[in-house]
C-alpha atoms as a PDB file:
ATOM      1  CA  MET A   1       8.045 -22.631  -7.120  1.00  0.00           C
ATOM      2  CA  SER A   2       4.751 -23.454  -8.810  1.00  0.00           C
ATOM      3  CA  GLN A   3       4.260 -23.054 -12.520  1.00  0.00           C
ATOM      4  CA  LEU A   4       2.233 -20.018 -13.541  1.00  0.00           C
ATOM      5  CA  SER A   5      -0.104 -19.794 -16.491  1.00  0.00           C
ATOM      6  CA  ASP A   6      -2.423 -17.198 -17.976  1.00  0.00           C
ATOM      7  CA  ASP A   7      -5.571 -19.192 -17.182  1.00  0.00           C
ATOM      8  CA  VAL A   8      -5.194 -19.636 -13.409  1.00  0.00           C
ATOM      9  CA  ASP A   9      -8.413 -19.436 -11.405  1.00  0.00           C
ATOM     10  CA  GLY A  10      -7.961 -16.493  -9.043  1.00  0.00           C
ATOM     11  CA  GLY A  11      -9.644 -18.183  -6.083  1.00  0.00           C
ATOM     12  CA  ASP A  12     -12.991 -16.365  -5.883  1.00  0.00           C
ATOM     13  CA  THR A  13     -14.142 -16.574  -2.272  1.00  0.00           C
ATOM     14  CA  GLY A  14     -17.647 -15.316  -3.011  1.00  0.00           C
ATOM     15  CA  ARG A  15     -17.167 -12.512  -0.480  1.00  0.00           C
ATOM     16  CA  GLY A  16     -17.452  -8.809  -1.122  1.00  0.00           C
ATOM     17  CA  ALA A  17     -14.382  -7.787   0.871  1.00  0.00           C
ATOM     18  CA  VAL A  18     -10.894  -8.958   1.700  1.00  0.00           C
ATOM     19  CA  ARG A  19     -10.819  -9.837   5.392  1.00  0.00           C
ATOM     20  CA  GLN A  20      -7.080  -9.722   6.081  1.00  0.00           C
ATOM     21  CA  ALA A  21      -4.099  -7.523   5.282  1.00  0.00           C
ATOM     22  CA  VAL A  22      -0.363  -7.071   5.769  1.00  0.00           C
ATOM     23  CA  ILE A  23       1.181  -3.630   6.263  1.00  0.00           C
ATOM     24  CA  LEU A  24       4.888  -3.324   5.449  1.00  0.00           C
ATOM     25  CA  ALA A  25       6.427  -1.175   8.175  1.00  0.00           C
ATOM     26  CA  GLY A  26       9.984  -2.475   8.544  1.00  0.00           C
ATOM     27  CA  GLY A  27      11.961   0.013   6.491  1.00  0.00           C
ATOM     28  CA  PHE A  28      14.387   2.639   7.804  1.00  0.00           C
ATOM     29  CA  GLY A  29      12.644   5.622   6.207  1.00  0.00           C
ATOM     30  CA  SER A  30      15.953   7.368   5.603  1.00  0.00           C
ATOM     31  CA  ARG A  31      14.459   9.935   3.233  1.00  0.00           C
ATOM     32  CA  LEU A  32      12.118  11.107   5.997  1.00  0.00           C
ATOM     33  CA  CYS A  33      14.949  11.917   8.408  1.00  0.00           C
ATOM     34  CA  PRO A  34      15.079  13.522  10.910  1.00  0.00           C
ATOM     35  CA  LEU A  35      11.460  12.479  11.558  1.00  0.00           C
ATOM     36  CA  THR A  36      12.397   8.784  11.497  1.00  0.00           C
ATOM     37  CA  ARG A  37      15.325   8.889  13.915  1.00  0.00           C
ATOM     38  CA  THR A  38      13.107   7.858  16.823  1.00  0.00           C
ATOM     39  CA  ARG A  39      10.150   6.228  15.069  1.00  0.00           C
ATOM     40  CA  PRO A  40       9.420   4.094  11.996  1.00  0.00           C
ATOM     41  CA  LYS A  41       8.124   5.879   8.913  1.00  0.00           C
ATOM     42  CA  THR A  42       4.613   4.499   9.374  1.00  0.00           C
ATOM     43  CA  MET A  43       4.477   6.229  12.797  1.00  0.00           C
ATOM     44  CA  VAL A  44       5.124   9.676  11.330  1.00  0.00           C
ATOM     45  CA  GLU A  45       2.008  11.756  11.925  1.00  0.00           C
ATOM     46  CA  VAL A  46      -0.285  13.111   9.237  1.00  0.00           C
ATOM     47  CA  HIS A  47      -2.718  15.675  10.633  1.00  0.00           C
ATOM     48  CA  GLY A  48      -1.839  14.597  14.185  1.00  0.00           C
ATOM     49  CA  THR A  49      -2.330  10.858  13.591  1.00  0.00           C
ATOM     50  CA  PRO A  50       0.275   8.224  12.623  1.00  0.00           C
ATOM     51  CA  ILE A  51       0.117   7.009   9.031  1.00  0.00           C
ATOM     52  CA  LEU A  52      -0.387   3.508  10.429  1.00  0.00           C
ATOM     53  CA  ARG A  53      -3.556   4.531  12.247  1.00  0.00           C
ATOM     54  CA  HIS A  54      -4.930   6.204   9.109  1.00  0.00           C
ATOM     55  CA  GLN A  55      -4.348   2.917   7.309  1.00  0.00           C
ATOM     56  CA  LEU A  56      -5.952   0.789  10.018  1.00  0.00           C
ATOM     57  CA  ASP A  57      -9.053   3.006  10.060  1.00  0.00           C
ATOM     58  CA  TRP A  58      -9.338   2.774   6.261  1.00  0.00           C
ATOM     59  CA  LEU A  59      -8.912  -0.995   6.274  1.00  0.00           C
ATOM     60  CA  ALA A  60     -11.468  -1.439   9.068  1.00  0.00           C
ATOM     61  CA  GLU A  61     -13.975   0.725   7.214  1.00  0.00           C
ATOM     62  CA  SER A  62     -13.421  -1.513   4.173  1.00  0.00           C
ATOM     63  CA  GLY A  63     -14.304  -4.754   5.992  1.00  0.00           C
ATOM     64  CA  VAL A  64     -10.829  -5.973   6.915  1.00  0.00           C
ATOM     65  CA  GLU A  65     -10.877  -7.914  10.190  1.00  0.00           C
ATOM     66  CA  GLN A  66      -7.184  -8.725  10.784  1.00  0.00           C
ATOM     67  CA  VAL A  67      -4.008  -6.805   9.984  1.00  0.00           C
ATOM     68  CA  VAL A  68      -0.472  -8.121  10.454  1.00  0.00           C
ATOM     69  CA  VAL A  69       2.110  -5.334  10.669  1.00  0.00           C
ATOM     70  CA  SER A  70       5.524  -6.409   9.406  1.00  0.00           C
ATOM     71  CA  THR A  71       8.074  -4.464  11.471  1.00  0.00           C
ATOM     72  CA  GLY A  72      11.823  -4.192  11.841  1.00  0.00           C
ATOM     73  CA  HIS A  73      13.400  -0.761  12.383  1.00  0.00           C
ATOM     74  CA  LEU A  74      12.276   0.609  15.780  1.00  0.00           C
ATOM     75  CA  ALA A  75       9.623  -2.099  16.025  1.00  0.00           C
ATOM     76  CA  PRO A  76       8.902  -1.454  19.746  1.00  0.00           C
ATOM     77  CA  VAL A  77       7.521   1.985  18.864  1.00  0.00           C
ATOM     78  CA  ILE A  78       4.797   0.330  16.802  1.00  0.00           C
ATOM     79  CA  GLY A  79       4.171  -2.357  19.405  1.00  0.00           C
ATOM     80  CA  ASP A  80       3.853   0.184  22.214  1.00  0.00           C
ATOM     81  CA  TYR A  81       1.446   2.328  20.201  1.00  0.00           C
ATOM     82  CA  LEU A  82      -0.815  -0.594  19.323  1.00  0.00           C
ATOM     83  CA  ALA A  83      -0.801  -1.825  22.916  1.00  0.00           C
ATOM     84  CA  SER A  84      -1.727   1.567  24.355  1.00  0.00           C
ATOM     85  CA  HIS A  85      -4.502   2.501  21.914  1.00  0.00           C
ATOM     86  CA  GLN A  86      -7.808   0.896  21.060  1.00  0.00           C
ATOM     87  CA  MET A  87      -7.642  -0.335  17.473  1.00  0.00           C
ATOM     88  CA  PRO A  88     -10.615  -0.588  15.094  1.00  0.00           C
ATOM     89  CA  LEU A  89      -9.706  -4.175  14.150  1.00  0.00           C
ATOM     90  CA  ARG A  90      -7.448  -6.994  15.272  1.00  0.00           C
ATOM     91  CA  THR A  91      -3.820  -5.951  14.760  1.00  0.00           C
ATOM     92  CA  ASP A  92      -0.864  -8.326  15.146  1.00  0.00           C
ATOM     93  CA  VAL A  93       2.850  -7.549  14.876  1.00  0.00           C
ATOM     94  CA  VAL A  94       5.612  -9.624  13.279  1.00  0.00           C
ATOM     95  CA  VAL A  95       9.206  -8.505  13.856  1.00  0.00           C
ATOM     96  CA  GLU A  96      12.033  -9.244  11.419  1.00  0.00           C
ATOM     97  CA  GLU A  97      15.148 -10.394  13.288  1.00  0.00           C
ATOM     98  CA  ARG A  98      17.175  -8.969  10.404  1.00  0.00           C
ATOM     99  CA  PRO A  99      16.113  -6.927   7.363  1.00  0.00           C
ATOM    100  CA  LEU A 100      14.378  -9.237   4.885  1.00  0.00           C
ATOM    101  CA  GLY A 101      13.411  -6.742   2.221  1.00  0.00           C
ATOM    102  CA  ARG A 102       9.847  -5.988   1.224  1.00  0.00           C
ATOM    103  CA  GLY A 103       9.217  -9.388  -0.335  1.00  0.00           C
ATOM    104  CA  GLY A 104      10.669 -11.223   2.644  1.00  0.00           C
ATOM    105  CA  GLY A 105       8.669  -9.047   5.017  1.00  0.00           C
ATOM    106  CA  LEU A 106       5.461  -9.843   3.159  1.00  0.00           C
ATOM    107  CA  LYS A 107       6.180 -13.561   3.223  1.00  0.00           C
ATOM    108  CA  LEU A 108       7.009 -13.576   6.934  1.00  0.00           C
ATOM    109  CA  ALA A 109       3.913 -11.592   7.886  1.00  0.00           C
ATOM    110  CA  SER A 110       1.555 -13.551   5.626  1.00  0.00           C
ATOM    111  CA  ALA A 111       2.240 -16.683   7.680  1.00  0.00           C
ATOM    112  CA  ALA A 112       0.561 -14.957  10.658  1.00  0.00           C
ATOM    113  CA  LEU A 113      -2.723 -14.387   8.818  1.00  0.00           C
ATOM    114  CA  ASP A 114      -5.672 -16.362  10.170  1.00  0.00           C
ATOM    115  CA  ARG A 115      -7.123 -17.380   6.817  1.00  0.00           C
ATOM    116  CA  LEU A 116      -4.279 -18.831   4.785  1.00  0.00           C
ATOM    117  CA  ASP A 117      -6.701 -19.997   2.073  1.00  0.00           C
ATOM    118  CA  GLU A 118      -8.194 -16.536   1.432  1.00  0.00           C
ATOM    119  CA  PRO A 119      -6.964 -13.505  -0.534  1.00  0.00           C
ATOM    120  CA  TRP A 120      -5.082 -10.847   1.401  1.00  0.00           C
ATOM    121  CA  LEU A 121      -4.148  -7.222   1.020  1.00  0.00           C
ATOM    122  CA  ALA A 122      -0.598  -5.902   1.116  1.00  0.00           C
ATOM    123  CA  VAL A 123      -0.054  -2.199   1.834  1.00  0.00           C
ATOM    124  CA  TYR A 124       3.171  -0.196   1.989  1.00  0.00           C
ATOM    125  CA  GLY A 125       3.494   1.577   5.324  1.00  0.00           C
ATOM    126  CA  ASP A 126       4.035   5.046   3.838  1.00  0.00           C
ATOM    127  CA  ILE A 127       0.792   5.267   1.850  1.00  0.00           C
ATOM    128  CA  TRP A 128      -2.079   7.612   2.739  1.00  0.00           C
ATOM    129  CA  THR A 129      -5.176   6.819   0.703  1.00  0.00           C
ATOM    130  CA  ARG A 130      -8.953   6.478   0.796  1.00  0.00           C
ATOM    131  CA  PHE A 131     -10.053   4.677  -2.371  1.00  0.00           C
ATOM    132  CA  SER A 132     -12.627   1.856  -2.532  1.00  0.00           C
ATOM    133  CA  LEU A 133     -11.204  -1.516  -1.562  1.00  0.00           C
ATOM    134  CA  ALA A 134     -14.577  -3.110  -2.329  1.00  0.00           C
ATOM    135  CA  GLY A 135     -14.221  -1.902  -5.901  1.00  0.00           C
ATOM    136  CA  MET A 136     -10.664  -3.185  -6.090  1.00  0.00           C
ATOM    137  CA  PHE A 137     -11.693  -6.618  -4.795  1.00  0.00           C
ATOM    138  CA  ALA A 138     -14.565  -6.829  -7.279  1.00  0.00           C
ATOM    139  CA  HIS A 139     -12.085  -5.973 -10.034  1.00  0.00           C
ATOM    140  CA  HIS A 140      -9.682  -8.627  -8.725  1.00  0.00           C
ATOM    141  CA  ARG A 141     -12.369 -11.311  -8.663  1.00  0.00           C
ATOM    142  CA  SER A 142     -13.741 -10.444 -12.091  1.00  0.00           C
ATOM    143  CA  HIS A 143     -10.305 -10.952 -13.661  1.00  0.00           C
ATOM    144  CA  ALA A 144      -9.590 -14.190 -11.725  1.00  0.00           C
ATOM    145  CA  ALA A 145      -5.878 -13.430 -11.528  1.00  0.00           C
ATOM    146  CA  LEU A 146      -3.311 -14.148  -8.836  1.00  0.00           C
ATOM    147  CA  ALA A 147      -2.626 -10.504  -7.996  1.00  0.00           C
ATOM    148  CA  THR A 148      -4.042  -7.016  -8.433  1.00  0.00           C
ATOM    149  CA  VAL A 149      -2.171  -3.750  -7.889  1.00  0.00           C
ATOM    150  CA  ALA A 150      -3.706  -0.308  -7.326  1.00  0.00           C
ATOM    151  CA  LEU A 151      -2.671   2.201 -10.004  1.00  0.00           C
ATOM    152  CA  PRO A 152      -3.200   5.817  -8.901  1.00  0.00           C
ATOM    153  CA  ARG A 153      -2.073   8.864 -10.789  1.00  0.00           C
ATOM    154  CA  PRO A 154       1.147  10.394  -9.426  1.00  0.00           C
ATOM    155  CA  TRP A 155       0.525  13.414  -7.269  1.00  0.00           C
ATOM    156  CA  LEU A 156       1.942  16.714  -8.512  1.00  0.00           C
ATOM    157  CA  PRO A 157       1.067  19.066  -5.637  1.00  0.00           C
ATOM    158  CA  ARG A 158       3.433  21.747  -6.801  1.00  0.00           C
ATOM    159  CA  GLY A 159       1.554  22.116 -10.056  1.00  0.00           C
ATOM    160  CA  SER A 160       2.758  22.052 -13.618  1.00  0.00           C
ATOM    161  CA  VAL A 161       2.839  24.233 -16.693  1.00  0.00           C
ATOM    162  CA  ASP A 162       0.512  23.986 -19.691  1.00  0.00           C
ATOM    163  CA  CYS A 163       1.524  25.159 -23.152  1.00  0.00           C
ATOM    164  CA  ASP A 164      -0.363  25.499 -26.416  1.00  0.00           C
ATOM    165  CA  GLU A 165       0.645  23.876 -29.700  1.00  0.00           C
ATOM    166  CA  ARG A 166       3.167  26.677 -30.360  1.00  0.00           C
ATOM    167  CA  GLY A 167       4.852  26.267 -26.995  1.00  0.00           C
ATOM    168  CA  ARG A 168       3.365  29.393 -25.408  1.00  0.00           C
ATOM    169  CA  VAL A 169       2.619  29.067 -21.704  1.00  0.00           C
ATOM    170  CA  THR A 170      -1.121  29.128 -21.036  1.00  0.00           C
ATOM    171  CA  THR A 171      -1.270  28.076 -17.377  1.00  0.00           C
ATOM    172  CA  LEU A 172       1.434  28.156 -14.721  1.00  0.00           C
ATOM    173  CA  VAL A 173      -0.315  25.845 -12.260  1.00  0.00           C
ATOM    174  CA  SER A 174      -2.417  23.070 -13.717  1.00  0.00           C
ATOM    175  CA  ARG A 175      -4.445  20.708 -11.540  1.00  0.00           C
ATOM    176  CA  MET A 176      -5.193  18.340 -14.408  1.00  0.00           C
ATOM    177  CA  PRO A 177      -3.957  14.835 -13.508  1.00  0.00           C
ATOM    178  CA  PRO A 178      -1.098  13.460 -15.593  1.00  0.00           C
ATOM    179  CA  PRO A 179      -2.008  10.619 -17.975  1.00  0.00           C
ATOM    180  CA  LEU A 180       0.363   8.032 -16.500  1.00  0.00           C
ATOM    181  CA  ARG A 181      -0.266   5.813 -13.478  1.00  0.00           C
ATOM    182  CA  VAL A 182       2.087   4.380 -10.870  1.00  0.00           C
ATOM    183  CA  ASN A 183       2.332   1.402  -8.540  1.00  0.00           C
ATOM    184  CA  GLY A 184       0.218   2.567  -5.595  1.00  0.00           C
ATOM    185  CA  GLY A 185       1.715   0.204  -3.010  1.00  0.00           C
ATOM    186  CA  VAL A 186      -1.615  -1.568  -2.405  1.00  0.00           C
ATOM    187  CA  TYR A 187      -2.090  -5.139  -3.632  1.00  0.00           C
ATOM    188  CA  ILE A 188      -4.570  -7.990  -3.414  1.00  0.00           C
ATOM    189  CA  PHE A 189      -2.830 -11.359  -3.476  1.00  0.00           C
ATOM    190  CA  ASP A 190      -4.267 -14.820  -4.012  1.00  0.00           C
ATOM    191  CA  PRO A 191      -2.998 -17.246  -1.328  1.00  0.00           C
ATOM    192  CA  ARG A 192      -0.787 -18.939  -3.924  1.00  0.00           C
ATOM    193  CA  VAL A 193       1.310 -15.806  -4.319  1.00  0.00           C
ATOM    194  CA  VAL A 194       2.955 -16.549  -0.950  1.00  0.00           C
ATOM    195  CA  GLU A 195       5.071 -19.330  -2.444  1.00  0.00           C
ATOM    196  CA  LEU A 196       6.284 -16.898  -5.113  1.00  0.00           C
ATOM    197  CA  LEU A 197       7.545 -14.366  -2.564  1.00  0.00           C
ATOM    198  CA  PRO A 198      11.269 -14.441  -1.729  1.00  0.00           C
ATOM    199  CA  ASP A 199      12.482 -15.349   1.748  1.00  0.00           C
ATOM    200  CA  GLU A 200      14.703 -12.293   1.429  1.00  0.00           C
ATOM    201  CA  GLY A 201      14.619  -9.548  -1.148  1.00  0.00           C
ATOM    202  CA  ASP A 202      12.147  -7.323  -2.959  1.00  0.00           C
ATOM    203  CA  HIS A 203       8.913  -8.716  -4.391  1.00  0.00           C
ATOM    204  CA  GLU A 204       8.986  -5.999  -7.066  1.00  0.00           C
ATOM    205  CA  GLU A 205      12.150  -7.637  -8.411  1.00  0.00           C
ATOM    206  CA  ALA A 206      11.506 -11.297  -7.636  1.00  0.00           C
ATOM    207  CA  THR A 207       7.737 -11.818  -7.743  1.00  0.00           C
ATOM    208  CA  LEU A 208       5.966  -9.151  -9.782  1.00  0.00           C
ATOM    209  CA  PRO A 209       8.005  -9.816 -12.968  1.00  0.00           C
ATOM    210  CA  ARG A 210       6.972 -13.502 -12.826  1.00  0.00           C
ATOM    211  CA  LEU A 211       3.330 -12.540 -12.383  1.00  0.00           C
ATOM    212  CA  ILE A 212       3.557 -10.097 -15.275  1.00  0.00           C
ATOM    213  CA  GLN A 213       5.186 -12.687 -17.527  1.00  0.00           C
ATOM    214  CA  ALA A 214       2.407 -15.149 -16.691  1.00  0.00           C
ATOM    215  CA  ARG A 215      -0.254 -12.452 -17.272  1.00  0.00           C
ATOM    216  CA  GLN A 216      -1.348 -12.823 -13.653  1.00  0.00           C
ATOM    217  CA  LEU A 217      -0.961  -9.225 -12.421  1.00  0.00           C
ATOM    218  CA  ILE A 218      -4.020  -7.010 -12.943  1.00  0.00           C
ATOM    219  CA  GLY A 219      -4.017  -3.227 -12.624  1.00  0.00           C
ATOM    220  CA  TYR A 220      -6.837  -1.414 -10.816  1.00  0.00           C
ATOM    221  CA  PRO A 221      -7.060   2.290 -11.768  1.00  0.00           C
ATOM    222  CA  VAL A 222      -7.460   4.530  -8.712  1.00  0.00           C
ATOM    223  CA  ASP A 223      -8.756   8.068  -9.045  1.00  0.00           C
ATOM    224  CA  GLY A 224      -9.439   8.681  -5.354  1.00  0.00           C
ATOM    225  CA  PRO A 225      -7.029  10.369  -2.934  1.00  0.00           C
ATOM    226  CA  TRP A 226      -3.613   8.735  -2.744  1.00  0.00           C
ATOM    227  CA  ARG A 227      -0.280   9.983  -1.429  1.00  0.00           C
ATOM    228  CA  ALA A 228       3.118   8.334  -0.955  1.00  0.00           C
ATOM    229  CA  ILE A 229       4.891  10.011   1.971  1.00  0.00           C
ATOM    230  CA  ASN A 230       8.591   9.562   1.330  1.00  0.00           C
ATOM    231  CA  THR A 231      10.145  12.905   2.273  1.00  0.00           C
ATOM    232  CA  PRO A 232       9.485  15.801   4.674  1.00  0.00           C
ATOM    233  CA  ARG A 233       8.270  17.800   1.689  1.00  0.00           C
ATOM    234  CA  ASP A 234       5.685  15.126   0.899  1.00  0.00           C
ATOM    235  CA  LEU A 235       4.490  15.416   4.480  1.00  0.00           C
ATOM    236  CA  ASP A 236       4.319  19.210   4.306  1.00  0.00           C
ATOM    237  CA  ASP A 237       2.309  18.999   1.080  1.00  0.00           C
ATOM    238  CA  ILE A 238      -0.324  16.617   2.408  1.00  0.00           C
ATOM    239  CA  GLU A 239      -0.629  18.549   5.670  1.00  0.00           C
ATOM    240  CA  ARG A 240      -1.264  21.711   3.679  1.00  0.00           C
ATOM    241  CA  GLU A 241      -3.851  19.984   1.499  1.00  0.00           C
ATOM    242  CA  LEU A 242      -5.683  18.505   4.490  1.00  0.00           C
ATOM    243  CA  ALA A 243      -5.647  21.822   6.329  1.00  0.00           C
ATOM    244  CA  SER A 244      -7.166  23.559   3.326  1.00  0.00           C
ATOM    245  CA  GLY A 245      -9.903  20.965   3.007  1.00  0.00           C
ATOM    246  CA  THR A 246      -9.107  20.349  -0.653  1.00  0.00           C
ATOM    247  CA  ASP A 247     -11.451  17.785  -2.159  1.00  0.00           C
ATOM    248  CA  ASP A 248      -8.558  15.948  -3.791  1.00  0.00           C
ATOM    249  CA  VAL A 249      -7.335  14.617  -0.426  1.00  0.00           C
END
C-alpha cells in the first residue's frame, strides 16, 4: 500500500461535478426482512419506486454520467430491472461471485469505472437523500484530501423530549435536529483510494482509519434530506413523511 501523508494533493480535476459513481448493493438486507426475501435491499420501493432508481435519478441530476452497481445477493433482480427500464444515465452491473464485504465490493466495482484517473462517488444502496453533490465536490476539492464523507444529522422521526434546566418536560415532540452527525454513506474518493481498499472486508475498518490517521478524510456537513432505510419501520417513516409532503424530506 502507498504511504499516506497529511499534505497529499487531492487530484483536482478542474471540473464542477464528479462524473462517475459506485453504488453498493450486494448486502443481504436481513433487517429489512421479509421485504428482502425476493429482492435486494436497494430494490425495496420508497413511494412506489426502488431506492436504486431514486439514487440514479439524484446522481444523474448532479452530473454523474456512469454508475457501477456492485451486486451480490439476488443480483439478477437488479440486472432485470435495469435492462427493462430506461435509465437516466449509463448504469453497469458488477456481480460478486462470493461476498466481499463493503470494501471489497467498492474495489471490485471501481475497476469498471471508465475514468480511473478521476474522483468517484461511493453510495450505500440503502440511502435516500437529495443534498447537493456539487457542494460536496467543491468542498472535497477545496480541502485537497483523498476522501470526503457526507455527514448528515441522524433522523429522529419519532420525535424527542425537551426539558428545562430543572428537568421539567417542556415539549414532548421536538423537531430540532440533534447536534451530532453520522456517516451518511456517501463518499467522494480520489483515484488513489482504490489501492487502500481491501480485496475482502469492510472499508470502514480497513481503509477509513488509515485515511483518518493520515488526516486525509474530510467531513462534509449535510443539512438536506437524508434517510438510511435499514428496517421496515424506517421505510414506514419515510413513506409517511413523503405522503405528508413534509419539507424535511
